[in-house]
Amino acid sequence: MSSTVSTDVPAAGQLPRKDDGTTMAGRVRRRLTSRAASVVSIIIALVWTIPTFGLFVSSLRPENEIKTTGW
């Protein structure tokens, strides 16, 4: 008996081949790993965190102060 191994699928423990950017997936991967994408992600995370922090602080204040005063 003989068995054949496909060369298209990486063996267990091996990383798949890096895409050279000529396919659509390669272009999308390159664009999403750019410095601009990282900066935009950090800005979104910070903007998302501000109201979350506000809710946390509000939850620690007495009910009467929440209703009568602002920050």
N, C-alpha and C. Protein backbone atom coordinates (compact mmCIF):
# COMPACT_ATOMS: atom_id res chain seq x y z
N MET A 1 0.83 -1.18 0.00
CA MET A 1 0.00 0.00 0.00
C MET A 1 0.88 1.24 0.00
N SER A 2 0.45 2.20 -0.73
CA SER A 2 1.17 3.47 -0.72
C SER A 2 0.18 4.59 -0.43
N SER A 3 0.69 5.62 0.17
CA SER A 3 -0.17 6.76 0.46
C SER A 3 0.45 8.00 -0.14
N THR A 4 -0.40 8.92 -0.50
CA THR A 4 0.08 10.18 -1.04
C THR A 4 -0.28 11.31 -0.10
N VAL A 5 0.56 12.30 -0.07
CA VAL A 5 0.33 13.46 0.78
C VAL A 5 0.15 14.67 -0.11
N SER A 6 -0.90 15.43 0.12
CA SER A 6 -1.14 16.64 -0.65
C SER A 6 -0.19 17.73 -0.19
N THR A 7 0.37 18.46 -1.13
CA THR A 7 1.30 19.54 -0.77
C THR A 7 0.58 20.86 -0.56
N ASP A 8 -0.73 20.91 -0.81
CA ASP A 8 -1.49 22.15 -0.65
C ASP A 8 -1.81 22.45 0.81
N VAL A 9 -1.93 21.44 1.62
CA VAL A 9 -2.30 21.61 3.02
C VAL A 9 -1.05 21.45 3.87
N PRO A 10 -0.75 22.45 4.74
CA PRO A 10 0.45 22.31 5.58
C PRO A 10 0.28 21.19 6.60
N ALA A 11 1.38 20.53 6.91
CA ALA A 11 1.36 19.46 7.90
C ALA A 11 1.10 20.06 9.28
N ALA A 12 0.70 19.21 10.22
CA ALA A 12 0.43 19.67 11.57
C ALA A 12 1.65 20.34 12.16
N GLY A 13 1.44 21.51 12.77
CA GLY A 13 2.55 22.23 13.38
C GLY A 13 3.27 23.19 12.45
N GLN A 14 2.93 23.16 11.18
CA GLN A 14 3.55 24.09 10.23
C GLN A 14 2.60 25.24 9.93
N LEU A 15 3.19 26.40 9.72
CA LEU A 15 2.38 27.56 9.37
C LEU A 15 2.08 27.55 7.89
N PRO A 16 0.91 28.06 7.50
CA PRO A 16 0.63 28.13 6.06
C PRO A 16 1.54 29.15 5.40
N ARG A 17 1.65 29.02 4.11
CA ARG A 17 2.48 29.93 3.33
C ARG A 17 1.98 31.36 3.43
N LYS A 18 2.88 32.33 3.46
CA LYS A 18 2.49 33.74 3.45
C LYS A 18 2.01 34.10 2.05
N ASP A 19 0.97 34.91 2.00
CA ASP A 19 0.44 35.36 0.72
C ASP A 19 1.30 36.51 0.20
N ASP A 20 1.56 36.52 -1.09
CA ASP A 20 2.42 37.56 -1.66
C ASP A 20 1.67 38.84 -1.99
N GLY A 21 0.37 38.90 -1.72
CA GLY A 21 -0.39 40.13 -1.93
C GLY A 21 -1.02 40.24 -3.29
N THR A 22 -0.92 39.20 -4.12
CA THR A 22 -1.49 39.28 -5.45
C THR A 22 -2.96 38.89 -5.47
N THR A 23 -3.43 38.21 -4.44
CA THR A 23 -4.84 37.84 -4.38
C THR A 23 -5.61 38.88 -3.59
N MET A 24 -6.91 38.81 -3.65
CA MET A 24 -7.75 39.74 -2.90
C MET A 24 -7.50 39.59 -1.40
N ALA A 25 -7.37 38.35 -0.94
CA ALA A 25 -7.11 38.12 0.50
C ALA A 25 -5.78 38.74 0.91
N GLY A 26 -4.79 38.66 0.06
CA GLY A 26 -3.48 39.25 0.37
C GLY A 26 -3.55 40.76 0.46
N ARG A 27 -4.30 41.37 -0.44
CA ARG A 27 -4.44 42.84 -0.41
C ARG A 27 -5.21 43.29 0.82
N VAL A 28 -6.27 42.58 1.18
CA VAL A 28 -7.05 42.93 2.37
C VAL A 28 -6.19 42.76 3.62
N ARG A 29 -5.45 41.66 3.70
CA ARG A 29 -4.59 41.41 4.87
C ARG A 29 -3.54 42.52 5.01
N ARG A 30 -2.95 42.93 3.91
CA ARG A 30 -1.94 43.99 3.95
C ARG A 30 -2.55 45.32 4.39
N ARG A 31 -3.76 45.61 3.93
CA ARG A 31 -4.40 46.87 4.30
C ARG A 31 -4.81 46.88 5.77
N LEU A 32 -5.28 45.74 6.29
CA LEU A 32 -5.73 45.68 7.68
C LEU A 32 -4.59 45.62 8.67
N THR A 33 -3.40 45.34 8.22
CA THR A 33 -2.25 45.28 9.12
C THR A 33 -1.36 46.52 8.97
N SER A 34 -1.87 47.55 8.35
CA SER A 34 -1.09 48.78 8.17
C SER A 34 -1.08 49.60 9.46
N ARG A 35 -0.20 50.58 9.51
CA ARG A 35 -0.11 51.48 10.66
C ARG A 35 -1.40 52.28 10.83
N ALA A 36 -2.01 52.71 9.73
CA ALA A 36 -3.24 53.49 9.79
C ALA A 36 -4.37 52.67 10.42
N ALA A 37 -4.46 51.39 10.06
CA ALA A 37 -5.49 50.54 10.65
C ALA A 37 -5.28 50.38 12.15
N SER A 38 -4.04 50.30 12.57
CA SER A 38 -3.75 50.18 14.00
C SER A 38 -4.14 51.46 14.74
N VAL A 39 -3.84 52.61 14.17
CA VAL A 39 -4.18 53.89 14.80
C VAL A 39 -5.70 54.05 14.89
N VAL A 40 -6.41 53.71 13.82
CA VAL A 40 -7.87 53.81 13.84
C VAL A 40 -8.45 52.87 14.90
N SER A 41 -7.90 51.68 15.02
CA SER A 41 -8.39 50.73 16.04
C SER A 41 -8.18 51.26 17.45
N ILE A 42 -7.05 51.89 17.70
CA ILE A 42 -6.78 52.46 19.02
C ILE A 42 -7.73 53.61 19.32
N ILE A 43 -7.99 54.46 18.34
CA ILE A 43 -8.92 55.58 18.52
C ILE A 43 -10.32 55.07 18.83
N ILE A 44 -10.77 54.05 18.09
CA ILE A 44 -12.10 53.48 18.34
C ILE A 44 -12.16 52.90 19.75
N ALA A 45 -11.12 52.22 20.17
CA ALA A 45 -11.09 51.64 21.52
C ALA A 45 -11.17 52.73 22.59
N LEU A 46 -10.45 53.83 22.40
CA LEU A 46 -10.48 54.92 23.37
C LEU A 46 -11.85 55.59 23.42
N VAL A 47 -12.43 55.84 22.25
CA VAL A 47 -13.75 56.48 22.20
C VAL A 47 -14.80 55.56 22.84
N TRP A 48 -14.66 54.27 22.66
CA TRP A 48 -15.60 53.31 23.24
C TRP A 48 -15.43 53.26 24.77
N THR A 49 -14.23 53.47 25.25
CA THR A 49 -13.94 53.34 26.68
C THR A 49 -14.48 54.53 27.49
N ILE A 50 -14.54 55.71 26.92
CA ILE A 50 -14.96 56.90 27.65
C ILE A 50 -16.37 56.75 28.25
N PRO A 51 -17.40 56.40 27.46
CA PRO A 51 -18.72 56.25 28.09
C PRO A 51 -18.79 55.06 29.06
N THR A 52 -18.02 54.03 28.79
CA THR A 52 -17.99 52.89 29.71
C THR A 52 -17.43 53.31 31.06
N PHE A 53 -16.37 54.11 31.06
CA PHE A 53 -15.79 54.62 32.29
C PHE A 53 -16.80 55.53 33.01
N GLY A 54 -17.53 56.34 32.25
CA GLY A 54 -18.55 57.21 32.83
C GLY A 54 -19.65 56.43 33.52
N LEU A 55 -20.08 55.34 32.92
CA LEU A 55 -21.09 54.50 33.56
C LEU A 55 -20.57 53.88 34.84
N PHE A 56 -19.30 53.49 34.83
CA PHE A 56 -18.70 52.90 36.03
C PHE A 56 -18.67 53.92 37.17
N VAL A 57 -18.22 55.14 36.87
CA VAL A 57 -18.16 56.19 37.90
C VAL A 57 -19.56 56.52 38.40
N SER A 58 -20.53 56.60 37.50
CA SER A 58 -21.90 56.89 37.89
C SER A 58 -22.45 55.81 38.81
N SER A 59 -22.08 54.58 38.56
CA SER A 59 -22.61 53.49 39.38
C SER A 59 -22.10 53.54 40.81
N LEU A 60 -20.99 54.24 41.04
CA LEU A 60 -20.44 54.35 42.39
C LEU A 60 -21.03 55.53 43.17
N ARG A 61 -21.70 56.45 42.48
CA ARG A 61 -22.25 57.63 43.14
C ARG A 61 -23.62 57.34 43.72
N PRO A 62 -24.01 58.06 44.77
CA PRO A 62 -25.35 57.90 45.34
C PRO A 62 -26.42 58.33 44.33
N GLU A 63 -27.58 57.73 44.40
CA GLU A 63 -28.66 57.99 43.44
C GLU A 63 -29.06 59.46 43.40
N ASN A 64 -29.14 60.10 44.56
CA ASN A 64 -29.55 61.49 44.62
C ASN A 64 -28.56 62.39 43.87
N GLU A 65 -27.28 62.14 44.02
CA GLU A 65 -26.27 62.94 43.29
C GLU A 65 -26.33 62.71 41.80
N ILE A 66 -26.61 61.50 41.39
CA ILE A 66 -26.71 61.21 39.95
C ILE A 66 -27.85 62.01 39.34
N LYS A 67 -28.97 62.10 40.06
CA LYS A 67 -30.15 62.78 39.55
C LYS A 67 -30.03 64.30 39.59
N THR A 68 -29.26 64.85 40.52
CA THR A 68 -29.24 66.30 40.71
C THR A 68 -27.99 66.98 40.13
N THR A 69 -26.88 66.30 40.02
CA THR A 69 -25.67 66.95 39.53
C THR A 69 -25.09 66.18 38.35
N GLY A 70 -24.25 66.89 37.64
CA GLY A 70 -23.54 66.26 36.52
C GLY A 70 -22.17 65.81 36.98
N TRP A 71 -21.29 65.74 36.09
CA TRP A 71 -19.94 65.32 36.40
C TRP A 71 -19.29 66.40 37.19
